[in-house]
Amino acid sequence: MLWTEFAIESVIRVLGFSTIGFVVLIFLFLLKEGIPIFYEVPLDNLLGTRWYPTFGLFGTMPLILGSALVTLLAVVMALPLGVATAVFVREVAPGWAREILKPTIETLAGIPSVVLGFFGMTLIAPLVHQVLGAPTGLTVFTGALILAYMALPTIISVAEDALDAVPKGYRDAALAMGATQWQTIWRVVVPAARSGIAVAVMLGMGRAIGETMTVMMVTGNAARIPLSLDSIFKPARTMTATIAAEMGEVAQGSVHYHALFGIGIILFVLTFLINLVAASAIFKKQRRGGLR
């Protein structure tokens, strides 16, 4: 019996460390293929504003700013709706409705991104072009709408768990002092769960910034600096879309090839930092809960 338990624990331990090992190996591979770009291309070129690899221009700023703008706009759209939905599911909806809504919301995360991209191209983009008067329907705004929808299941699920973790005594104390149900929710429960809601936002952001097919299909793929006030209604290009669109046609070992892996390094580091901040917030929340 002892040997059986030892074998099972060893297998679980090996599987756990192997997951970390795979991530490390992926990062090392990215470094191996991407580091040469920093020796082959001057830094002012890499930090330039023009991405034209055919002419030797590898400016990554349009790609970084495009990814940042689409992601932040998507989070701004998804945050209020996600938190409001989580509050409704946890605090307002009756038990039978909660049992239906939770699995339904989680099912939305399983819709393939290419299907959402096709939906955005055929339905959302024409509406943006006609209703909002944008020069084209394939814009930052269109991509942010689809990404906001994709981030909603993550934000709702994590925020709902954070609200559920608020002790019942907080609600009872507020109601005993004469607060209404909505006052209890917005002035007691939601502030008590703000760290968990922040984690939900970070995870939703990580989900959005790593998306590829959707943004490649609906943002227009124009490598331009999106700094003007009307940039959200113009095309842009993200880092993920650039890698997906160009990696299949680039010559292995070329400067362009190394540049795409350099973008992959930037994307990997950004995603890792976002998830690290979210994991740190979860750890601090659990530690404070344990100290109570």
C-alpha atoms as a PDB file:
ATOM      1  CA  MET A   1       0.000   0.000   0.000  1.00  0.00           C
ATOM      2  CA  LEU A   2       2.831   2.367   0.873  1.00  0.00           C
ATOM      3  CA  TRP A   3       4.565   1.631  -2.418  1.00  0.00           C
ATOM      4  CA  THR A   4       1.338   2.286  -4.316  1.00  0.00           C
ATOM      5  CA  GLU A   5       0.887   5.650  -2.635  1.00  0.00           C
ATOM      6  CA  PHE A   6       4.529   6.506  -3.285  1.00  0.00           C
ATOM      7  CA  ALA A   7       4.173   5.635  -6.967  1.00  0.00           C
ATOM      8  CA  ILE A   8       0.994   7.705  -7.349  1.00  0.00           C
ATOM      9  CA  GLU A   9       2.551  10.701  -5.573  1.00  0.00           C
ATOM     10  CA  SER A  10       5.666  10.399  -7.740  1.00  0.00           C
ATOM     11  CA  VAL A  11       3.617  10.352 -10.940  1.00  0.00           C
ATOM     12  CA  ILE A  12       1.620  13.412  -9.834  1.00  0.00           C
ATOM     13  CA  ARG A  13       4.833  15.208  -8.897  1.00  0.00           C
ATOM     14  CA  VAL A  14       6.453  14.391 -12.243  1.00  0.00           C
ATOM     15  CA  LEU A  15       3.378  15.569 -14.145  1.00  0.00           C
ATOM     16  CA  GLY A  16       3.304  18.801 -12.171  1.00  0.00           C
ATOM     17  CA  PHE A  17       6.987  19.565 -12.817  1.00  0.00           C
ATOM     18  CA  SER A  18       6.656  18.531 -16.470  1.00  0.00           C
ATOM     19  CA  THR A  19       4.075  21.273 -17.011  1.00  0.00           C
ATOM     20  CA  ILE A  20       6.558  23.849 -15.758  1.00  0.00           C
ATOM     21  CA  GLY A  21       9.265  22.187 -17.838  1.00  0.00           C
ATOM     22  CA  PHE A  22       7.228  22.487 -21.030  1.00  0.00           C
ATOM     23  CA  VAL A  23       6.719  26.204 -20.451  1.00  0.00           C
ATOM     24  CA  VAL A  24      10.445  26.675 -19.839  1.00  0.00           C
ATOM     25  CA  LEU A  25      11.314  24.706 -22.995  1.00  0.00           C
ATOM     26  CA  ILE A  26       8.905  26.812 -25.065  1.00  0.00           C
ATOM     27  CA  PHE A  27      10.492  30.000 -23.730  1.00  0.00           C
ATOM     28  CA  LEU A  28      14.005  28.688 -24.419  1.00  0.00           C
ATOM     29  CA  PHE A  29      12.984  27.823 -27.976  1.00  0.00           C
ATOM     30  CA  LEU A  30      11.606  31.337 -28.433  1.00  0.00           C
ATOM     31  CA  LEU A  31      14.868  32.784 -27.113  1.00  0.00           C
ATOM     32  CA  LYS A  32      16.942  30.569 -29.420  1.00  0.00           C
ATOM     33  CA  GLU A  33      15.027  31.661 -32.514  1.00  0.00           C
ATOM     34  CA  GLY A  34      14.265  35.236 -31.499  1.00  0.00           C
ATOM     35  CA  ILE A  35      17.430  36.558 -29.852  1.00  0.00           C
ATOM     36  CA  PRO A  36      19.366  36.796 -33.171  1.00  0.00           C
ATOM     37  CA  ILE A  37      17.074  39.626 -34.335  1.00  0.00           C
ATOM     38  CA  PHE A  38      18.600  41.910 -31.703  1.00  0.00           C
ATOM     39  CA  TYR A  39      22.029  41.372 -33.302  1.00  0.00           C
ATOM     40  CA  GLU A  40      20.879  41.498 -36.923  1.00  0.00           C
ATOM     41  CA  VAL A  41      18.724  44.653 -36.767  1.00  0.00           C
ATOM     42  CA  PRO A  42      19.575  47.952 -35.026  1.00  0.00           C
ATOM     43  CA  LEU A  43      17.504  48.819 -31.980  1.00  0.00           C
ATOM     44  CA  ASP A  44      16.148  52.024 -33.535  1.00  0.00           C
ATOM     45  CA  ASN A  45      14.792  49.907 -36.392  1.00  0.00           C
ATOM     46  CA  LEU A  46      13.118  47.451 -34.005  1.00  0.00           C
ATOM     47  CA  LEU A  47      11.521  50.305 -32.083  1.00  0.00           C
ATOM     48  CA  GLY A  48      10.494  52.088 -35.274  1.00  0.00           C
ATOM     49  CA  THR A  49       7.017  52.883 -36.540  1.00  0.00           C
ATOM     50  CA  ARG A  50       7.087  50.963 -39.826  1.00  0.00           C
ATOM     51  CA  TRP A  51       6.679  47.200 -40.229  1.00  0.00           C
ATOM     52  CA  TYR A  52       7.715  46.364 -43.802  1.00  0.00           C
ATOM     53  CA  PRO A  53       9.950  43.258 -43.594  1.00  0.00           C
ATOM     54  CA  THR A  54      10.307  43.121 -47.392  1.00  0.00           C
ATOM     55  CA  PHE A  55      12.157  46.460 -47.252  1.00  0.00           C
ATOM     56  CA  GLY A  56      14.117  45.634 -44.102  1.00  0.00           C
ATOM     57  CA  LEU A  57      11.896  47.669 -41.770  1.00  0.00           C
ATOM     58  CA  PHE A  58      11.023  45.777 -38.578  1.00  0.00           C
ATOM     59  CA  GLY A  59       9.397  48.443 -36.414  1.00  0.00           C
ATOM     60  CA  THR A  60       7.386  46.657 -33.715  1.00  0.00           C
ATOM     61  CA  MET A  61       5.704  49.715 -32.198  1.00  0.00           C
ATOM     62  CA  PRO A  62       2.595  49.544 -34.452  1.00  0.00           C
ATOM     63  CA  LEU A  63       2.125  45.893 -33.482  1.00  0.00           C
ATOM     64  CA  ILE A  64       2.632  46.459 -29.747  1.00  0.00           C
ATOM     65  CA  LEU A  65       0.378  49.514 -29.649  1.00  0.00           C
ATOM     66  CA  GLY A  66      -2.232  47.769 -31.786  1.00  0.00           C
ATOM     67  CA  SER A  67      -2.340  44.818 -29.397  1.00  0.00           C
ATOM     68  CA  ALA A  68      -2.498  47.115 -26.379  1.00  0.00           C
ATOM     69  CA  LEU A  69      -5.319  49.245 -27.811  1.00  0.00           C
ATOM     70  CA  VAL A  70      -7.491  46.292 -28.862  1.00  0.00           C
ATOM     71  CA  THR A  71      -6.934  44.496 -25.544  1.00  0.00           C
ATOM     72  CA  LEU A  72      -7.578  47.504 -23.292  1.00  0.00           C
ATOM     73  CA  LEU A  73     -10.677  48.520 -25.230  1.00  0.00           C
ATOM     74  CA  ALA A  74     -11.990  44.950 -24.990  1.00  0.00           C
ATOM     75  CA  VAL A  75     -11.435  44.907 -21.223  1.00  0.00           C
ATOM     76  CA  VAL A  76     -13.166  48.284 -20.833  1.00  0.00           C
ATOM     77  CA  MET A  77     -16.163  46.869 -22.682  1.00  0.00           C
ATOM     78  CA  ALA A  78     -16.215  43.524 -20.881  1.00  0.00           C
ATOM     79  CA  LEU A  79     -15.551  44.699 -17.308  1.00  0.00           C
ATOM     80  CA  PRO A  80     -18.865  46.405 -16.417  1.00  0.00           C
ATOM     81  CA  LEU A  81     -20.980  43.785 -18.190  1.00  0.00           C
ATOM     82  CA  GLY A  82     -18.968  40.921 -16.700  1.00  0.00           C
ATOM     83  CA  VAL A  83     -19.121  42.236 -13.132  1.00  0.00           C
ATOM     84  CA  ALA A  84     -22.828  43.082 -13.435  1.00  0.00           C
ATOM     85  CA  THR A  85     -23.558  39.594 -14.756  1.00  0.00           C
ATOM     86  CA  ALA A  86     -21.529  37.992 -11.970  1.00  0.00           C
ATOM     87  CA  VAL A  87     -23.442  40.047  -9.373  1.00  0.00           C
ATOM     88  CA  PHE A  88     -26.751  39.028 -10.907  1.00  0.00           C
ATOM     89  CA  VAL A  89     -25.838  35.326 -11.024  1.00  0.00           C
ATOM     90  CA  ARG A  90     -24.520  35.241  -7.451  1.00  0.00           C
ATOM     91  CA  GLU A  91     -26.642  37.777  -5.583  1.00  0.00           C
ATOM     92  CA  VAL A  92     -29.922  38.294  -7.431  1.00  0.00           C
ATOM     93  CA  ALA A  93     -30.855  35.316  -9.585  1.00  0.00           C
ATOM     94  CA  PRO A  94     -32.910  32.546  -7.943  1.00  0.00           C
ATOM     95  CA  GLY A  95     -31.317  29.162  -7.426  1.00  0.00           C
ATOM     96  CA  TRP A  96     -32.887  27.492 -10.457  1.00  0.00           C
ATOM     97  CA  ALA A  97     -31.771  30.316 -12.748  1.00  0.00           C
ATOM     98  CA  ARG A  98     -28.240  30.198 -11.333  1.00  0.00           C
ATOM     99  CA  GLU A  99     -27.995  26.492 -12.134  1.00  0.00           C
ATOM    100  CA  ILE A 100     -28.847  27.279 -15.759  1.00  0.00           C
ATOM    101  CA  LEU A 101     -26.812  30.458 -16.191  1.00  0.00           C
ATOM    102  CA  LYS A 102     -23.475  29.209 -14.810  1.00  0.00           C
ATOM    103  CA  PRO A 103     -22.986  26.284 -17.226  1.00  0.00           C
ATOM    104  CA  THR A 104     -24.364  28.383 -20.084  1.00  0.00           C
ATOM    105  CA  ILE A 105     -21.801  31.115 -19.469  1.00  0.00           C
ATOM    106  CA  GLU A 106     -18.990  28.570 -19.236  1.00  0.00           C
ATOM    107  CA  THR A 107     -20.151  26.997 -22.505  1.00  0.00           C
ATOM    108  CA  LEU A 108     -19.650  30.330 -24.296  1.00  0.00           C
ATOM    109  CA  ALA A 109     -15.899  29.970 -23.768  1.00  0.00           C
ATOM    110  CA  GLY A 110     -15.913  26.855 -25.955  1.00  0.00           C
ATOM    111  CA  ILE A 111     -17.003  28.607 -29.153  1.00  0.00           C
ATOM    112  CA  PRO A 112     -14.068  28.438 -31.641  1.00  0.00           C
ATOM    113  CA  SER A 113     -12.386  31.772 -32.251  1.00  0.00           C
ATOM    114  CA  VAL A 114     -12.529  31.319 -36.035  1.00  0.00           C
ATOM    115  CA  VAL A 115     -16.327  31.083 -35.792  1.00  0.00           C
ATOM    116  CA  LEU A 116     -16.446  34.338 -33.836  1.00  0.00           C
ATOM    117  CA  GLY A 117     -14.083  35.908 -36.367  1.00  0.00           C
ATOM    118  CA  PHE A 118     -16.361  34.874 -39.222  1.00  0.00           C
ATOM    119  CA  PHE A 119     -19.340  36.247 -37.286  1.00  0.00           C
ATOM    120  CA  GLY A 120     -17.492  39.525 -36.819  1.00  0.00           C
ATOM    121  CA  MET A 121     -16.585  39.789 -40.505  1.00  0.00           C
ATOM    122  CA  THR A 122     -20.064  39.063 -41.841  1.00  0.00           C
ATOM    123  CA  LEU A 123     -22.309  40.779 -39.262  1.00  0.00           C
ATOM    124  CA  ILE A 124     -20.443  43.120 -36.895  1.00  0.00           C
ATOM    125  CA  ALA A 125     -18.103  44.724 -39.443  1.00  0.00           C
ATOM    126  CA  PRO A 126     -20.901  45.839 -41.828  1.00  0.00           C
ATOM    127  CA  LEU A 127     -22.809  47.320 -38.875  1.00  0.00           C
ATOM    128  CA  VAL A 128     -19.747  49.259 -37.691  1.00  0.00           C
ATOM    129  CA  HIS A 129     -19.224  50.557 -41.231  1.00  0.00           C
ATOM    130  CA  GLN A 130     -22.831  51.589 -41.802  1.00  0.00           C
ATOM    131  CA  VAL A 131     -24.019  52.706 -38.358  1.00  0.00           C
ATOM    132  CA  LEU A 132     -20.851  54.334 -37.000  1.00  0.00           C
ATOM    133  CA  GLY A 133     -19.660  55.665 -40.342  1.00  0.00           C
ATOM    134  CA  ALA A 134     -16.202  54.081 -40.110  1.00  0.00           C
ATOM    135  CA  PRO A 135     -14.153  53.989 -43.350  1.00  0.00           C
ATOM    136  CA  THR A 136     -14.176  50.208 -43.086  1.00  0.00           C
ATOM    137  CA  GLY A 137     -15.872  47.723 -40.801  1.00  0.00           C
ATOM    138  CA  LEU A 138     -12.598  45.945 -40.029  1.00  0.00           C
ATOM    139  CA  THR A 139     -11.404  48.186 -37.200  1.00  0.00           C
ATOM    140  CA  VAL A 140     -10.004  48.169 -33.692  1.00  0.00           C
ATOM    141  CA  PHE A 141     -13.536  48.673 -32.376  1.00  0.00           C
ATOM    142  CA  THR A 142     -14.804  45.568 -34.180  1.00  0.00           C
ATOM    143  CA  GLY A 143     -11.950  43.458 -32.841  1.00  0.00           C
ATOM    144  CA  ALA A 144     -12.468  44.800 -29.322  1.00  0.00           C
ATOM    145  CA  LEU A 145     -16.170  43.896 -29.447  1.00  0.00           C
ATOM    146  CA  ILE A 146     -15.406  40.288 -30.342  1.00  0.00           C
ATOM    147  CA  LEU A 147     -12.564  40.046 -27.808  1.00  0.00           C
ATOM    148  CA  ALA A 148     -14.810  41.494 -25.098  1.00  0.00           C
ATOM    149  CA  TYR A 149     -17.307  38.737 -25.809  1.00  0.00           C
ATOM    150  CA  MET A 150     -14.531  36.139 -25.631  1.00  0.00           C
ATOM    151  CA  ALA A 151     -13.229  37.518 -22.328  1.00  0.00           C
ATOM    152  CA  LEU A 152     -16.675  37.659 -20.695  1.00  0.00           C
ATOM    153  CA  PRO A 153     -16.883  33.965 -19.613  1.00  0.00           C
ATOM    154  CA  THR A 154     -13.533  34.237 -17.811  1.00  0.00           C
ATOM    155  CA  ILE A 155     -14.397  37.530 -16.109  1.00  0.00           C
ATOM    156  CA  ILE A 156     -17.872  36.368 -15.093  1.00  0.00           C
ATOM    157  CA  SER A 157     -16.733  33.001 -13.716  1.00  0.00           C
ATOM    158  CA  VAL A 158     -13.800  34.362 -11.693  1.00  0.00           C
ATOM    159  CA  ALA A 159     -15.747  37.387 -10.435  1.00  0.00           C
ATOM    160  CA  GLU A 160     -18.669  35.161  -9.430  1.00  0.00           C
ATOM    161  CA  ASP A 161     -16.295  32.935  -7.453  1.00  0.00           C
ATOM    162  CA  ALA A 162     -14.878  36.030  -5.747  1.00  0.00           C
ATOM    163  CA  LEU A 163     -18.370  37.208  -4.767  1.00  0.00           C
ATOM    164  CA  ASP A 164     -19.224  33.724  -3.522  1.00  0.00           C
ATOM    165  CA  ALA A 165     -16.139  33.783  -1.289  1.00  0.00           C
ATOM    166  CA  VAL A 166     -17.368  36.867   0.611  1.00  0.00           C
ATOM    167  CA  PRO A 167     -18.496  35.644   4.068  1.00  0.00           C
ATOM    168  CA  LYS A 168     -22.250  35.524   4.603  1.00  0.00           C
ATOM    169  CA  GLY A 169     -21.761  37.486   7.805  1.00  0.00           C
ATOM    170  CA  TYR A 170     -20.916  40.598   5.779  1.00  0.00           C
ATOM    171  CA  ARG A 171     -24.305  40.460   4.086  1.00  0.00           C
ATOM    172  CA  ASP A 172     -26.171  39.715   7.317  1.00  0.00           C
ATOM    173  CA  ALA A 173     -24.457  42.579   9.144  1.00  0.00           C
ATOM    174  CA  ALA A 174     -25.293  45.083   6.402  1.00  0.00           C
ATOM    175  CA  LEU A 175     -28.918  43.980   6.215  1.00  0.00           C
ATOM    176  CA  ALA A 176     -29.192  44.088  10.029  1.00  0.00           C
ATOM    177  CA  MET A 177     -28.049  47.723   9.968  1.00  0.00           C
ATOM    178  CA  GLY A 178     -30.909  48.623   7.637  1.00  0.00           C
ATOM    179  CA  ALA A 179     -29.177  48.492   4.256  1.00  0.00           C
ATOM    180  CA  THR A 180     -31.216  47.393   1.269  1.00  0.00           C
ATOM    181  CA  GLN A 181     -30.189  44.443  -0.880  1.00  0.00           C
ATOM    182  CA  TRP A 182     -28.616  46.679  -3.536  1.00  0.00           C
ATOM    183  CA  GLN A 183     -26.793  48.777  -0.939  1.00  0.00           C
ATOM    184  CA  THR A 184     -25.430  45.577   0.546  1.00  0.00           C
ATOM    185  CA  ILE A 185     -24.267  44.353  -2.854  1.00  0.00           C
ATOM    186  CA  TRP A 186     -22.581  47.543  -4.111  1.00  0.00           C
ATOM    187  CA  ARG A 187     -21.240  48.921  -0.829  1.00  0.00           C
ATOM    188  CA  VAL A 188     -20.316  45.731   1.009  1.00  0.00           C
ATOM    189  CA  VAL A 189     -20.099  42.614  -1.143  1.00  0.00           C
ATOM    190  CA  VAL A 190     -18.485  44.063  -4.279  1.00  0.00           C
ATOM    191  CA  PRO A 191     -15.827  46.070  -2.366  1.00  0.00           C
ATOM    192  CA  ALA A 192     -15.028  42.975  -0.286  1.00  0.00           C
ATOM    193  CA  ALA A 193     -14.492  40.994  -3.508  1.00  0.00           C
ATOM    194  CA  ARG A 194     -12.503  43.691  -5.336  1.00  0.00           C
ATOM    195  CA  SER A 195      -9.244  41.714  -5.282  1.00  0.00           C
ATOM    196  CA  GLY A 196     -10.957  38.730  -6.881  1.00  0.00           C
ATOM    197  CA  ILE A 197     -12.610  41.005  -9.441  1.00  0.00           C
ATOM    198  CA  ALA A 198      -9.194  42.473 -10.246  1.00  0.00           C
ATOM    199  CA  VAL A 199      -7.918  38.942 -10.824  1.00  0.00           C
ATOM    200  CA  ALA A 200     -10.852  38.340 -13.173  1.00  0.00           C
ATOM    201  CA  VAL A 201      -9.896  41.441 -15.156  1.00  0.00           C
ATOM    202  CA  MET A 202      -6.258  40.352 -15.402  1.00  0.00           C
ATOM    203  CA  LEU A 203      -7.202  36.861 -16.569  1.00  0.00           C
ATOM    204  CA  GLY A 204      -9.644  38.314 -19.080  1.00  0.00           C
ATOM    205  CA  MET A 205      -6.895  40.599 -20.352  1.00  0.00           C
ATOM    206  CA  GLY A 206      -4.553  37.640 -20.714  1.00  0.00           C
ATOM    207  CA  ARG A 207      -7.261  35.822 -22.654  1.00  0.00           C
ATOM    208  CA  ALA A 208      -7.726  38.782 -24.993  1.00  0.00           C
ATOM    209  CA  ILE A 209      -4.090  39.670 -25.647  1.00  0.00           C
ATOM    210  CA  GLY A 210      -3.243  36.115 -26.729  1.00  0.00           C
ATOM    211  CA  GLU A 211      -6.113  35.735 -29.196  1.00  0.00           C
ATOM    212  CA  THR A 212      -5.050  35.245 -32.824  1.00  0.00           C
ATOM    213  CA  MET A 213      -7.658  34.218 -35.383  1.00  0.00           C
ATOM    214  CA  THR A 214     -10.360  36.650 -34.332  1.00  0.00           C
ATOM    215  CA  VAL A 215      -8.188  39.770 -34.418  1.00  0.00           C
ATOM    216  CA  MET A 216      -6.552  38.651 -37.657  1.00  0.00           C
ATOM    217  CA  MET A 217      -9.973  38.423 -39.298  1.00  0.00           C
ATOM    218  CA  VAL A 218     -11.688  41.579 -38.025  1.00  0.00           C
ATOM    219  CA  THR A 219      -9.104  44.290 -37.223  1.00  0.00           C
ATOM    220  CA  GLY A 220      -7.984  45.019 -40.786  1.00  0.00           C
ATOM    221  CA  ASN A 221      -4.319  44.023 -40.319  1.00  0.00           C
ATOM    222  CA  ALA A 222      -2.893  47.467 -41.085  1.00  0.00           C
ATOM    223  CA  ALA A 223       0.447  48.020 -39.348  1.00  0.00           C
ATOM    224  CA  ARG A 224      -0.085  51.646 -38.325  1.00  0.00           C
ATOM    225  CA  ILE A 225       0.494  53.665 -35.164  1.00  0.00           C
ATOM    226  CA  PRO A 226      -2.942  53.954 -33.441  1.00  0.00           C
ATOM    227  CA  LEU A 227      -2.400  57.196 -31.546  1.00  0.00           C
ATOM    228  CA  SER A 228      -5.048  59.507 -33.048  1.00  0.00           C
ATOM    229  CA  LEU A 229      -8.436  60.022 -31.410  1.00  0.00           C
ATOM    230  CA  ASP A 230     -10.242  58.128 -34.162  1.00  0.00           C
ATOM    231  CA  SER A 231      -7.843  55.183 -34.092  1.00  0.00           C
ATOM    232  CA  ILE A 232     -10.471  52.843 -32.641  1.00  0.00           C
ATOM    233  CA  PHE A 233     -12.477  53.216 -35.843  1.00  0.00           C
ATOM    234  CA  LYS A 234      -9.518  52.482 -38.100  1.00  0.00           C
ATOM    235  CA  PRO A 235      -7.672  49.216 -38.878  1.00  0.00           C
ATOM    236  CA  ALA A 236      -4.757  48.044 -36.768  1.00  0.00           C
ATOM    237  CA  ARG A 237      -2.535  45.001 -36.503  1.00  0.00           C
ATOM    238  CA  THR A 238      -1.689  42.961 -33.429  1.00  0.00           C
ATOM    239  CA  MET A 239       1.378  40.903 -32.590  1.00  0.00           C
ATOM    240  CA  THR A 240      -0.496  37.614 -32.692  1.00  0.00           C
ATOM    241  CA  ALA A 241      -2.032  38.370 -36.091  1.00  0.00           C
ATOM    242  CA  THR A 242       1.376  39.289 -37.495  1.00  0.00           C
ATOM    243  CA  ILE A 243       2.915  35.998 -36.398  1.00  0.00           C
ATOM    244  CA  ALA A 244      -0.014  33.952 -37.698  1.00  0.00           C
ATOM    245  CA  ALA A 245      -0.190  35.755 -41.041  1.00  0.00           C
ATOM    246  CA  GLU A 246       3.516  35.793 -41.878  1.00  0.00           C
ATOM    247  CA  MET A 247       5.123  32.764 -40.241  1.00  0.00           C
ATOM    248  CA  GLY A 248       3.863  30.331 -42.893  1.00  0.00           C
ATOM    249  CA  GLU A 249       5.513  32.242 -45.750  1.00  0.00           C
ATOM    250  CA  VAL A 250       8.809  33.345 -44.209  1.00  0.00           C
ATOM    251  CA  ALA A 251      12.118  31.633 -44.989  1.00  0.00           C
ATOM    252  CA  GLN A 252      13.469  29.716 -42.001  1.00  0.00           C
ATOM    253  CA  GLY A 253      16.561  31.339 -40.537  1.00  0.00           C
ATOM    254  CA  SER A 254      15.997  34.690 -42.266  1.00  0.00           C
ATOM    255  CA  VAL A 255      15.944  38.048 -40.517  1.00  0.00           C
ATOM    256  CA  HIS A 256      12.162  38.170 -40.955  1.00  0.00           C
ATOM    257  CA  TYR A 257      11.916  34.717 -39.351  1.00  0.00           C
ATOM    258  CA  HIS A 258      13.901  35.846 -36.305  1.00  0.00           C
ATOM    259  CA  ALA A 259      11.851  39.057 -36.113  1.00  0.00           C
ATOM    260  CA  LEU A 260       8.616  37.074 -35.823  1.00  0.00           C
ATOM    261  CA  PHE A 261      10.098  35.009 -33.002  1.00  0.00           C
ATOM    262  CA  GLY A 262      11.241  38.254 -31.372  1.00  0.00           C
ATOM    263  CA  ILE A 263       7.595  39.373 -31.400  1.00  0.00           C
ATOM    264  CA  GLY A 264       6.741  35.994 -29.877  1.00  0.00           C
ATOM    265  CA  ILE A 265       9.183  36.692 -27.030  1.00  0.00           C
ATOM    266  CA  ILE A 266       7.527  40.060 -26.334  1.00  0.00           C
ATOM    267  CA  LEU A 267       4.079  38.468 -26.395  1.00  0.00           C
ATOM    268  CA  PHE A 268       5.184  35.595 -24.142  1.00  0.00           C
ATOM    269  CA  VAL A 269       6.676  37.987 -21.571  1.00  0.00           C
ATOM    270  CA  LEU A 270       3.579  40.227 -21.544  1.00  0.00           C
ATOM    271  CA  THR A 271       1.221  37.278 -21.122  1.00  0.00           C
ATOM    272  CA  PHE A 272       3.451  35.786 -18.422  1.00  0.00           C
ATOM    273  CA  LEU A 273       3.540  39.057 -16.478  1.00  0.00           C
ATOM    274  CA  ILE A 274      -0.254  39.451 -16.662  1.00  0.00           C
ATOM    275  CA  ASN A 275      -0.807  35.915 -15.387  1.00  0.00           C
ATOM    276  CA  LEU A 276       1.904  36.365 -12.743  1.00  0.00           C
ATOM    277  CA  VAL A 277       0.152  39.459 -11.378  1.00  0.00           C
ATOM    278  CA  ALA A 278      -3.167  37.580 -11.349  1.00  0.00           C
ATOM    279  CA  ALA A 279      -1.640  34.559  -9.602  1.00  0.00           C
ATOM    280  CA  SER A 280       0.048  36.823  -7.045  1.00  0.00           C
ATOM    281  CA  ALA A 281      -3.264  38.518  -6.287  1.00  0.00           C
ATOM    282  CA  ILE A 282      -4.945  35.125  -5.823  1.00  0.00           C
ATOM    283  CA  PHE A 283      -2.157  33.992  -3.481  1.00  0.00           C
ATOM    284  CA  LYS A 284      -2.406  37.148  -1.372  1.00  0.00           C
ATOM    285  CA  LYS A 285      -6.175  36.794  -1.180  1.00  0.00           C
ATOM    286  CA  GLN A 286      -5.917  33.161  -0.056  1.00  0.00           C
ATOM    287  CA  ARG A 287      -3.246  34.084   2.488  1.00  0.00           C
ATOM    288  CA  ARG A 288      -5.386  36.837   3.986  1.00  0.00           C
ATOM    289  CA  GLY A 289      -8.297  34.406   4.119  1.00  0.00           C
ATOM    290  CA  GLY A 290      -6.102  31.886   5.932  1.00  0.00           C
ATOM    291  CA  LEU A 291      -4.951  34.489   8.465  1.00  0.00           C
ATOM    292  CA  ARG A 292      -8.574  35.181   9.376  1.00  0.00           C
END
